[in-house]
N, C-alpha and C. Protein backbone atom coordinates (compact mmCIF):
# COMPACT_ATOMS: atom_id res chain seq x y z
N MET A 1 68.89 69.21 151.39
CA MET A 1 68.16 68.99 150.29
C MET A 1 68.38 69.54 149.09
N LEU A 2 68.67 71.00 149.17
CA LEU A 2 69.14 71.74 148.02
C LEU A 2 70.32 71.21 147.44
N GLN A 3 71.23 70.73 148.14
CA GLN A 3 72.49 70.27 147.53
C GLN A 3 72.34 68.93 146.92
N ALA A 4 71.42 68.18 147.25
CA ALA A 4 71.01 66.92 146.60
C ALA A 4 70.26 67.22 145.27
N ALA A 5 69.34 68.35 145.37
CA ALA A 5 68.65 68.64 144.10
C ALA A 5 69.71 69.33 143.16
N PHE A 6 70.67 70.21 143.59
CA PHE A 6 71.81 70.65 142.86
C PHE A 6 72.64 69.49 142.10
N GLU A 7 73.07 68.58 142.89
CA GLU A 7 73.71 67.19 142.31
C GLU A 7 72.95 66.68 141.12
N LEU A 8 71.59 66.46 141.30
CA LEU A 8 70.88 65.88 140.27
C LEU A 8 70.78 66.78 139.13
N LEU A 9 70.47 68.09 139.33
CA LEU A 9 70.63 68.97 138.27
C LEU A 9 71.82 69.06 137.36
N ASP A 10 72.99 68.92 138.33
CA ASP A 10 74.25 69.10 137.45
C ASP A 10 74.57 67.83 136.92
N GLU A 11 74.18 66.65 137.31
CA GLU A 11 74.34 65.35 136.67
C GLU A 11 73.48 65.24 135.55
N SER A 12 72.26 65.48 135.60
CA SER A 12 71.43 65.11 134.68
C SER A 12 70.26 66.01 134.07
N GLY A 13 70.41 67.23 134.57
CA GLY A 13 69.40 68.21 134.01
C GLY A 13 68.22 68.53 135.00
N ILE A 14 67.60 69.52 134.59
CA ILE A 14 66.16 69.85 135.54
C ILE A 14 65.31 68.82 135.64
N SER A 15 65.17 68.00 134.39
CA SER A 15 64.22 66.95 134.35
C SER A 15 64.41 65.85 135.26
N ALA A 16 65.53 65.77 135.79
CA ALA A 16 66.01 64.78 136.90
C ALA A 16 65.58 65.15 138.24
N VAL A 17 65.25 66.45 138.37
CA VAL A 17 65.08 67.08 139.75
C VAL A 17 63.52 66.78 140.11
N ALA A 18 63.35 65.82 140.93
CA ALA A 18 61.95 65.62 141.45
C ALA A 18 62.09 65.04 142.76
N ILE A 19 60.98 64.94 143.43
CA ILE A 19 60.89 64.61 144.99
C ILE A 19 61.51 63.16 145.16
N LYS A 20 61.21 62.18 144.37
CA LYS A 20 61.62 60.89 144.77
C LYS A 20 63.09 60.74 144.57
N PRO A 21 63.77 61.29 143.47
CA PRO A 21 65.25 61.17 143.34
C PRO A 21 65.95 61.74 144.50
N ILE A 22 65.40 62.95 144.78
CA ILE A 22 66.01 63.71 145.81
C ILE A 22 65.96 62.94 147.15
N ALA A 23 64.77 62.50 147.36
CA ALA A 23 64.61 61.54 148.78
C ALA A 23 65.60 60.34 148.62
N ALA A 24 65.72 59.81 147.41
CA ALA A 24 66.66 58.51 147.32
C ALA A 24 68.00 59.02 147.57
N LYS A 25 68.55 60.12 147.03
CA LYS A 25 69.73 60.66 147.21
C LYS A 25 70.11 60.89 148.83
N LEU A 26 69.06 61.37 149.34
CA LEU A 26 69.10 61.77 150.88
C LEU A 26 68.96 60.50 151.64
N GLY A 27 68.56 59.43 151.17
CA GLY A 27 68.21 58.20 152.03
C GLY A 27 66.97 58.40 152.91
N CYS A 28 66.15 59.03 152.53
CA CYS A 28 64.93 59.45 153.29
C CYS A 28 63.54 59.12 152.56
N SER A 29 62.47 59.28 153.13
CA SER A 29 61.18 59.35 152.38
C SER A 29 60.85 60.47 151.65
N THR A 30 59.90 60.45 150.74
CA THR A 30 59.50 61.72 150.09
C THR A 30 58.94 62.67 151.05
N GLN A 31 58.32 62.42 151.97
CA GLN A 31 57.48 63.37 152.98
C GLN A 31 58.38 64.48 153.48
N PRO A 32 59.62 64.37 153.91
CA PRO A 32 60.34 65.60 154.30
C PRO A 32 60.55 66.45 153.11
N VAL A 33 60.88 65.98 152.02
CA VAL A 33 61.02 67.00 150.88
C VAL A 33 59.95 67.58 150.53
N SER A 34 58.71 66.96 150.35
CA SER A 34 57.37 67.63 150.12
C SER A 34 57.18 68.49 151.18
N TRP A 35 57.32 68.26 152.39
CA TRP A 35 56.81 69.16 153.55
C TRP A 35 57.79 70.42 153.42
N ILE A 36 59.05 70.33 153.24
CA ILE A 36 59.79 71.47 153.32
C ILE A 36 59.56 72.55 152.12
N PHE A 37 59.39 72.03 150.86
CA PHE A 37 59.08 72.76 149.74
C PHE A 37 57.69 72.98 149.41
N GLY A 38 56.90 72.15 149.78
CA GLY A 38 55.44 72.25 149.53
C GLY A 38 55.06 72.09 148.09
N SER A 39 55.89 72.29 147.15
CA SER A 39 55.50 72.14 145.61
C SER A 39 56.78 71.96 144.83
N MET A 40 56.87 71.39 143.63
CA MET A 40 58.02 71.35 142.76
C MET A 40 58.36 72.70 142.30
N THR A 41 57.19 73.69 142.11
CA THR A 41 57.64 74.99 141.80
C THR A 41 58.54 75.75 142.76
N GLU A 42 58.19 75.66 144.00
CA GLU A 42 58.80 76.14 145.25
C GLU A 42 60.22 75.68 145.35
N LEU A 43 60.37 74.24 145.11
CA LEU A 43 61.68 73.68 145.17
C LEU A 43 62.60 74.21 144.11
N LYS A 44 62.15 74.21 142.83
CA LYS A 44 62.78 74.65 141.74
C LYS A 44 63.15 76.19 141.83
N LYS A 45 62.37 77.07 142.45
CA LYS A 45 62.63 78.42 142.66
C LYS A 45 63.79 78.46 143.70
N GLU A 46 63.66 77.70 144.73
CA GLU A 46 64.94 77.73 145.73
C GLU A 46 66.12 77.16 145.05
N LEU A 47 65.96 76.19 144.23
CA LEU A 47 67.07 75.56 143.47
C LEU A 47 67.88 76.48 142.56
N PHE A 48 67.00 77.43 141.88
CA PHE A 48 67.46 78.36 140.99
C PHE A 48 68.47 79.43 141.86
N THR A 49 67.88 79.86 142.83
CA THR A 49 68.69 80.73 143.73
C THR A 49 69.99 80.05 144.34
N TYR A 50 69.85 78.81 144.84
CA TYR A 50 70.96 78.07 145.30
C TYR A 50 71.99 77.76 144.22
N SER A 51 71.40 77.43 143.05
CA SER A 51 72.41 77.01 141.83
C SER A 51 73.30 78.41 141.40
N ALA A 52 72.53 79.50 141.41
CA ALA A 52 73.24 80.65 141.03
C ALA A 52 74.23 81.12 142.07
N GLY A 53 73.98 80.84 143.32
CA GLY A 53 74.87 80.93 144.42
C GLY A 53 76.10 80.13 144.12
N LYS A 54 75.99 79.00 144.01
CA LYS A 54 77.06 77.99 143.70
C LYS A 54 77.95 78.35 142.62
N MET A 55 77.31 78.94 141.57
CA MET A 55 78.07 79.13 140.19
C MET A 55 78.67 80.40 140.40
N TRP A 56 78.12 81.37 141.14
CA TRP A 56 78.64 82.89 140.94
C TRP A 56 79.36 83.33 142.45
N ASP A 57 79.19 82.58 143.44
CA ASP A 57 79.79 83.26 144.69
C ASP A 57 81.23 83.17 144.75
N SER A 58 81.94 82.48 144.04
CA SER A 58 83.37 82.39 143.95
C SER A 58 83.84 83.62 143.08
N LEU A 59 83.12 84.15 142.32
CA LEU A 59 83.62 85.17 141.36
C LEU A 59 84.17 86.23 142.07
N ALA A 60 83.59 86.73 143.20
CA ALA A 60 84.14 87.91 143.94
C ALA A 60 85.56 87.68 144.35
N GLY A 61 85.80 86.48 144.81
CA GLY A 61 87.18 86.15 145.28
C GLY A 61 88.15 86.11 144.19
N GLU A 62 87.72 85.67 142.98
CA GLU A 62 88.61 85.75 141.90
C GLU A 62 88.92 87.13 141.41
N MET A 63 87.85 88.03 141.56
CA MET A 63 88.10 89.33 141.07
C MET A 63 88.80 90.25 142.14
N GLU A 64 88.78 89.78 143.36
CA GLU A 64 89.22 90.66 144.42
C GLU A 64 90.73 91.05 144.29
N GLY A 65 91.06 92.35 144.30
CA GLY A 65 92.42 92.81 144.25
C GLY A 65 92.83 93.11 142.75
N LYS A 66 91.89 92.92 141.83
CA LYS A 66 92.44 92.90 140.41
C LYS A 66 91.91 94.11 139.90
N ASP A 67 92.68 94.85 138.95
CA ASP A 67 92.16 96.14 138.29
C ASP A 67 90.93 95.76 137.45
N ALA A 68 90.22 96.85 136.99
CA ALA A 68 88.97 96.63 136.49
C ALA A 68 89.06 95.82 135.37
N LEU A 69 90.01 95.99 134.47
CA LEU A 69 90.10 95.28 133.02
C LEU A 69 90.13 93.68 133.36
N ASP A 70 91.14 93.42 134.24
CA ASP A 70 91.30 92.12 134.50
C ASP A 70 90.04 91.52 135.09
N ALA A 71 89.55 92.10 135.86
CA ALA A 71 88.14 91.61 136.64
C ALA A 71 87.21 91.48 135.63
N PHE A 72 87.07 92.23 134.72
CA PHE A 72 86.02 92.17 133.49
C PHE A 72 86.33 90.93 132.86
N PHE A 73 87.53 90.59 132.40
CA PHE A 73 87.81 89.34 131.62
C PHE A 73 87.64 88.17 132.46
N ILE A 74 87.93 88.20 133.77
CA ILE A 74 87.99 87.21 134.55
C ILE A 74 86.37 86.60 134.80
N SER A 75 85.35 87.70 134.71
CA SER A 75 84.15 87.38 134.73
C SER A 75 83.55 86.52 133.48
N GLY A 76 84.11 87.08 132.45
CA GLY A 76 83.81 86.34 131.09
C GLY A 76 84.42 84.95 131.15
N VAL A 77 85.57 84.72 131.62
CA VAL A 77 86.10 83.32 131.70
C VAL A 77 85.27 82.44 132.66
N HIS A 78 84.76 83.05 133.82
CA HIS A 78 83.92 82.48 134.80
C HIS A 78 82.64 81.95 134.08
N TYR A 79 82.21 82.93 133.20
CA TYR A 79 80.75 82.43 132.51
C TYR A 79 80.98 81.27 131.61
N ILE A 80 82.15 81.50 130.92
CA ILE A 80 82.40 80.13 129.75
C ILE A 80 82.66 78.96 130.76
N SER A 81 83.42 79.08 131.73
CA SER A 81 83.64 77.93 132.58
C SER A 81 82.38 77.33 133.25
N ILE A 82 81.51 78.10 133.62
CA ILE A 82 80.16 77.51 134.14
C ILE A 82 79.52 76.64 132.88
N ALA A 83 79.50 77.31 131.76
CA ALA A 83 78.85 76.63 130.59
C ALA A 83 79.63 75.28 130.27
N CYS A 84 80.82 75.23 130.31
CA CYS A 84 81.76 74.13 129.90
C CYS A 84 81.83 73.15 131.14
N ASP A 85 81.86 73.54 132.33
CA ASP A 85 82.04 72.64 133.44
C ASP A 85 80.69 72.15 133.97
N HIS A 86 79.66 72.93 133.94
CA HIS A 86 78.33 72.57 134.41
C HIS A 86 77.27 72.86 133.44
N PRO A 87 77.28 72.08 132.24
CA PRO A 87 76.25 72.49 131.33
C PRO A 87 74.86 72.43 131.65
N ASN A 88 74.38 71.53 132.53
CA ASN A 88 73.19 71.34 132.81
C ASN A 88 72.60 72.55 133.83
N VAL A 89 73.65 72.99 134.65
CA VAL A 89 73.31 74.08 135.52
C VAL A 89 73.29 75.38 134.63
N PHE A 90 74.10 75.43 133.73
CA PHE A 90 74.17 76.70 132.94
C PHE A 90 72.85 76.83 132.16
N ARG A 91 72.35 75.78 131.63
CA ARG A 91 71.19 75.61 130.83
C ARG A 91 70.01 76.19 131.60
N PHE A 92 69.84 75.58 132.87
CA PHE A 92 68.80 76.06 133.88
C PHE A 92 68.73 77.47 134.22
N LEU A 93 69.95 77.91 134.55
CA LEU A 93 70.11 79.35 134.91
C LEU A 93 70.02 80.45 133.81
N ASN A 94 70.46 80.04 132.60
CA ASN A 94 70.79 81.12 131.43
C ASN A 94 69.86 80.67 130.19
N ILE A 95 69.41 79.59 129.85
CA ILE A 95 68.85 79.30 128.70
C ILE A 95 67.30 78.84 128.89
N ASP A 96 67.09 77.90 129.80
CA ASP A 96 65.68 77.43 129.82
C ASP A 96 64.63 78.59 130.24
N ASP A 97 63.51 78.49 129.63
CA ASP A 97 62.33 79.50 130.14
C ASP A 97 61.85 79.09 131.31
N PRO A 98 62.04 79.91 132.37
CA PRO A 98 61.58 79.72 133.90
C PRO A 98 60.11 79.12 133.83
N VAL A 99 59.39 79.63 133.00
CA VAL A 99 57.83 79.20 132.89
C VAL A 99 57.73 77.63 132.84
N GLN A 100 58.82 77.15 131.77
CA GLN A 100 58.70 75.80 131.55
C GLN A 100 59.65 74.84 132.59
N SER A 101 60.64 75.44 132.96
CA SER A 101 61.64 74.63 133.88
C SER A 101 61.32 74.91 135.27
N ILE A 102 60.74 75.92 135.77
CA ILE A 102 60.47 76.11 137.15
C ILE A 102 58.92 75.96 137.48
N GLY A 103 58.17 76.53 136.45
CA GLY A 103 56.64 76.56 136.79
C GLY A 103 56.17 77.98 136.81
N GLU A 104 57.01 78.89 136.82
CA GLU A 104 56.49 80.24 136.93
C GLU A 104 57.61 81.19 136.41
N ASP A 105 57.24 82.47 136.15
CA ASP A 105 58.19 83.53 135.62
C ASP A 105 58.86 84.13 136.77
N ILE A 106 59.98 83.73 137.15
CA ILE A 106 60.71 84.31 138.29
C ILE A 106 61.30 85.67 138.01
N LEU A 107 61.49 85.87 136.82
CA LEU A 107 61.98 87.28 136.48
C LEU A 107 60.88 88.32 136.53
N GLY A 108 59.70 88.05 136.57
CA GLY A 108 58.69 89.00 136.60
C GLY A 108 58.42 89.79 135.19
N SER A 109 57.82 91.00 135.19
CA SER A 109 57.71 91.43 133.91
C SER A 109 58.87 92.33 133.31
N GLN A 110 59.92 92.49 134.15
CA GLN A 110 61.08 93.18 133.84
C GLN A 110 61.93 92.35 132.77
N SER A 111 62.29 93.03 131.50
CA SER A 111 63.20 92.47 130.56
C SER A 111 64.51 92.56 131.13
N ILE A 112 65.45 91.47 130.77
CA ILE A 112 66.83 91.48 131.20
C ILE A 112 67.62 92.67 130.49
N PHE A 113 66.96 93.15 129.22
CA PHE A 113 67.63 94.24 128.68
C PHE A 113 67.41 95.60 129.12
N THR A 114 66.56 95.68 130.20
CA THR A 114 66.53 97.00 130.96
C THR A 114 67.26 97.07 132.08
N GLN A 115 68.09 95.98 132.23
CA GLN A 115 68.95 96.01 133.60
C GLN A 115 70.49 96.12 132.90
N GLN A 116 71.37 96.80 133.66
CA GLN A 116 72.74 96.63 133.23
C GLN A 116 73.37 95.43 133.48
N MET A 117 73.80 94.78 132.49
CA MET A 117 74.43 93.65 132.44
C MET A 117 75.87 93.73 133.13
N ASN A 118 76.25 92.79 133.91
CA ASN A 118 77.47 92.91 134.51
C ASN A 118 77.86 94.28 135.25
N ALA A 119 76.90 94.70 135.98
CA ALA A 119 76.86 96.06 136.58
C ALA A 119 78.22 96.26 137.32
N GLN A 120 78.65 95.19 137.94
CA GLN A 120 79.80 95.29 138.85
C GLN A 120 81.11 95.61 138.06
N SER A 121 81.16 95.17 136.75
CA SER A 121 82.32 95.55 135.84
C SER A 121 82.28 96.91 135.47
N VAL A 122 80.74 97.36 135.11
CA VAL A 122 80.57 98.55 134.62
C VAL A 122 81.08 99.73 135.55
N GLU A 123 80.70 99.33 136.89
CA GLU A 123 81.16 100.34 138.00
C GLU A 123 82.73 100.32 138.03
N ALA A 124 83.29 99.20 138.23
CA ALA A 124 84.78 99.21 138.28
C ALA A 124 85.62 99.95 137.17
N LEU A 125 85.08 99.62 135.77
CA LEU A 125 85.61 100.17 134.80
C LEU A 125 85.50 101.71 134.76
N ALA A 126 84.19 102.13 135.05
CA ALA A 126 83.88 103.67 135.09
C ALA A 126 84.75 104.38 136.17
N ALA A 127 84.91 103.59 137.34
CA ALA A 127 85.81 104.27 138.46
C ALA A 127 87.38 104.38 137.95
N GLN A 128 87.78 103.37 136.98
CA GLN A 128 89.01 103.37 136.71
C GLN A 128 89.32 104.27 135.48
N PHE A 129 88.35 104.44 134.46
CA PHE A 129 88.36 105.10 133.47
C PHE A 129 87.39 106.30 133.37
N LYS A 130 87.70 107.38 134.29
CA LYS A 130 86.81 108.24 134.41
C LYS A 130 86.44 109.29 133.28
N ASP A 131 87.31 109.25 132.40
CA ASP A 131 87.24 110.18 131.24
C ASP A 131 86.19 109.59 130.09
N ILE A 132 85.77 108.42 130.26
CA ILE A 132 84.88 107.78 129.42
C ILE A 132 83.50 107.69 130.03
N PRO A 133 82.55 108.03 129.28
CA PRO A 133 81.22 108.25 129.91
C PRO A 133 80.65 106.70 130.30
N LYS A 134 80.20 106.65 131.42
CA LYS A 134 79.70 105.32 132.02
C LYS A 134 78.48 104.70 131.06
N LYS A 135 77.91 105.56 130.41
CA LYS A 135 77.00 104.94 129.46
C LYS A 135 77.60 104.08 128.40
N LYS A 136 78.65 104.79 127.76
CA LYS A 136 79.56 104.04 126.83
C LYS A 136 80.10 102.76 127.26
N ILE A 137 80.55 102.89 128.39
CA ILE A 137 81.18 101.55 129.24
C ILE A 137 80.15 100.65 129.27
N GLY A 138 79.06 100.90 129.72
CA GLY A 138 77.85 100.14 129.95
C GLY A 138 77.41 99.27 128.66
N LYS A 139 77.46 100.13 127.55
CA LYS A 139 77.11 99.46 126.36
C LYS A 139 78.22 98.49 125.80
N ALA A 140 79.26 98.90 125.89
CA ALA A 140 80.48 97.96 125.64
C ALA A 140 80.54 96.71 126.33
N VAL A 141 80.21 96.91 127.75
CA VAL A 141 80.10 95.56 128.57
C VAL A 141 78.88 94.90 128.08
N GLN A 142 77.78 95.39 127.87
CA GLN A 142 76.58 94.74 127.51
C GLN A 142 76.68 93.88 126.11
N ASP A 143 77.48 94.60 125.28
CA ASP A 143 77.71 93.79 123.94
C ASP A 143 78.76 92.65 124.04
N THR A 144 79.65 92.90 125.01
CA THR A 144 80.54 91.67 125.26
C THR A 144 79.81 90.57 126.05
N VAL A 145 78.90 91.09 126.97
CA VAL A 145 78.11 89.94 127.67
C VAL A 145 77.30 89.21 126.54
N ILE A 146 76.57 89.96 125.86
CA ILE A 146 75.73 89.22 124.82
C ILE A 146 76.68 88.28 124.02
N PHE A 147 77.73 88.70 123.53
CA PHE A 147 78.59 87.78 122.63
C PHE A 147 79.00 86.72 123.53
N THR A 148 79.48 86.79 124.83
CA THR A 148 79.79 85.73 125.56
C THR A 148 78.84 84.73 125.74
N HIS A 149 77.50 85.33 126.03
CA HIS A 149 76.35 84.27 126.26
C HIS A 149 76.13 83.49 125.07
N GLY A 150 75.94 84.23 123.83
CA GLY A 150 75.82 83.50 122.50
C GLY A 150 76.91 82.61 122.32
N LEU A 151 78.22 82.78 122.56
CA LEU A 151 79.24 81.86 122.27
C LEU A 151 79.05 80.55 123.17
N SER A 152 78.64 80.72 124.49
CA SER A 152 78.37 79.75 125.36
C SER A 152 77.26 78.72 124.81
N VAL A 153 76.24 79.35 124.43
CA VAL A 153 75.11 78.73 123.95
C VAL A 153 75.55 77.94 122.49
N MET A 154 76.15 78.61 121.78
CA MET A 154 76.82 77.87 120.64
C MET A 154 77.68 76.66 120.78
N MET A 155 78.52 76.81 121.83
CA MET A 155 79.23 75.85 122.31
C MET A 155 78.46 74.63 122.88
N MET A 156 77.48 74.95 123.53
CA MET A 156 76.72 73.84 124.07
C MET A 156 75.88 73.05 122.97
N TRP A 157 75.22 73.74 122.03
CA TRP A 157 74.75 73.14 120.95
C TRP A 157 75.83 72.36 119.91
N ASP A 158 77.09 72.72 120.07
CA ASP A 158 78.04 72.14 119.29
C ASP A 158 78.79 71.00 120.13
N ASN A 159 78.10 70.55 121.32
CA ASN A 159 78.54 69.44 122.07
C ASN A 159 80.10 69.84 122.52
N TYR A 160 80.32 71.14 122.63
CA TYR A 160 81.74 71.49 123.37
C TYR A 160 82.80 71.10 122.43
N ARG A 161 82.69 71.05 121.31
CA ARG A 161 83.87 70.69 120.20
C ARG A 161 85.00 71.84 120.37
N LEU A 162 84.54 73.03 120.67
CA LEU A 162 85.34 74.31 120.66
C LEU A 162 85.90 74.16 122.19
N PRO A 163 87.25 74.08 122.14
CA PRO A 163 87.95 73.92 123.69
C PRO A 163 87.59 75.24 124.45
N LYS A 164 87.41 75.02 125.69
CA LYS A 164 87.17 76.24 126.51
C LYS A 164 88.18 77.30 126.51
N LYS A 165 89.49 76.98 126.43
CA LYS A 165 90.59 77.81 126.25
C LYS A 165 90.45 78.79 125.06
N GLU A 166 90.13 78.13 123.94
CA GLU A 166 89.93 78.88 122.67
C GLU A 166 88.60 79.76 122.84
N ALA A 167 87.51 79.22 123.40
CA ALA A 167 86.33 80.13 123.67
C ALA A 167 86.76 81.38 124.64
N CYS A 168 87.45 81.21 125.49
CA CYS A 168 87.78 82.14 126.49
C CYS A 168 88.71 83.28 125.77
N HIS A 169 89.55 82.69 124.84
CA HIS A 169 90.47 83.58 124.08
C HIS A 169 89.54 84.45 123.05
N MET A 170 88.37 83.94 122.52
CA MET A 170 87.55 84.67 121.82
C MET A 170 86.83 85.67 122.36
N ILE A 171 86.48 85.37 123.71
CA ILE A 171 85.81 86.52 124.45
C ILE A 171 86.66 87.64 124.81
N PHE A 172 88.07 87.08 125.11
CA PHE A 172 88.98 88.11 125.54
C PHE A 172 89.32 89.13 124.38
N ASP A 173 89.48 88.56 123.16
CA ASP A 173 89.63 89.33 121.80
C ASP A 173 88.53 90.27 121.60
N MET A 174 87.16 89.68 121.79
CA MET A 174 85.95 90.54 121.62
C MET A 174 85.94 91.72 122.58
N GLY A 175 86.27 91.30 123.97
CA GLY A 175 86.14 92.35 124.95
C GLY A 175 87.34 93.62 124.80
N LEU A 176 88.50 93.16 124.33
CA LEU A 176 89.45 94.11 123.85
C LEU A 176 88.96 95.02 122.74
N LYS A 177 88.34 94.44 121.78
CA LYS A 177 87.77 95.15 120.61
C LYS A 177 86.79 96.25 121.11
N MET A 178 85.81 95.72 121.91
CA MET A 178 84.77 96.42 122.43
C MET A 178 85.09 97.70 123.22
N LEU A 179 86.12 97.38 124.16
CA LEU A 179 86.57 98.49 124.98
C LEU A 179 87.47 99.42 124.30
N SER A 180 88.25 98.97 123.40
CA SER A 180 89.32 99.80 122.67
C SER A 180 88.42 100.72 121.84
N GLU A 181 87.33 100.20 121.27
CA GLU A 181 86.49 101.12 120.59
C GLU A 181 85.93 102.33 121.19
N ILE A 182 85.90 102.24 122.65
CA ILE A 182 85.38 103.33 123.26
C ILE A 182 86.33 104.29 123.97
N GLY A 183 87.57 103.93 123.73
CA GLY A 183 88.74 104.49 124.11
C GLY A 183 89.53 104.11 125.29
N ILE A 184 89.39 102.82 125.72
CA ILE A 184 90.01 102.33 126.89
C ILE A 184 91.19 101.75 126.29
N ASP A 185 92.29 102.00 126.97
CA ASP A 185 93.79 101.51 126.53
C ASP A 185 93.79 100.08 127.08
N THR A 186 93.91 99.10 126.24
CA THR A 186 93.93 97.68 126.61
C THR A 186 95.24 97.00 126.01
N LYS A 187 96.28 97.94 125.67
CA LYS A 187 97.44 97.48 125.01
C LYS A 187 98.27 96.55 126.09
N GLY A 188 98.27 96.72 127.33
CA GLY A 188 98.86 95.88 128.36
C GLY A 188 98.29 94.50 128.70
N MET A 189 97.15 94.27 128.07
CA MET A 189 96.15 93.03 128.36
C MET A 189 97.02 91.92 127.88
N LYS A 190 97.06 90.77 128.56
CA LYS A 190 97.64 89.58 128.10
C LYS A 190 96.68 88.48 128.49
N PHE A 191 96.20 87.69 127.47
CA PHE A 191 95.41 86.57 127.87
C PHE A 191 96.01 85.49 128.68
N SER A 192 97.31 85.21 128.53
CA SER A 192 97.94 84.25 129.47
C SER A 192 97.97 84.69 130.79
N ARG A 193 97.86 86.00 131.12
CA ARG A 193 97.77 86.48 132.63
C ARG A 193 96.46 86.15 133.34
N LEU A 194 95.50 86.19 132.43
CA LEU A 194 94.12 86.00 132.78
C LEU A 194 93.50 84.50 133.00
N TYR A 195 93.98 83.75 131.95
CA TYR A 195 93.27 82.37 131.84
C TYR A 195 94.18 81.36 132.41
N HIS A 196 93.64 80.58 133.28
CA HIS A 196 94.44 79.43 133.99
C HIS A 196 93.58 78.23 133.98
N GLU A 197 93.98 77.23 133.47
CA GLU A 197 93.27 75.95 133.47
C GLU A 197 93.25 75.21 134.66
């Protein structure tokens, strides 16, 4: 059922996700869908988690065996790719107000700015570049994440006229700048090594 809901979300956006279209996609009555989830809020909460998994679960494999710098840039390319390849899912996960799109604040009272953004990359970079304070690395990563998110949103509102490859190159350049400013040697980094269409 969640896969059917995900397909509706991916094709047409969160407003298309409703019990009747899900049942129609599954070829069943609305009763099983209503019975399993109980409410649209519960269904959309489950869909949020399911969608996030579908979008992010492959990233660990993409980053596996890569050095910290490569892995960091791969995560940025992955984020841009979600925005370009699955714009409705991206909007649901990263732009929409959960109170409006789901029916409740699933984030609770904690601000996203109190959490370390892309904590996995911060840990990997800190382990590889032990001479640079972890706090500095965290700030550079946070600034790059904010830039990447802003670029993704701007691309969406511009109807994706900026090609994905160019956007990925922009985040690559910004990441190099941010990391170089804190003393990480990025001279050996090559965009062509990290970006594959």
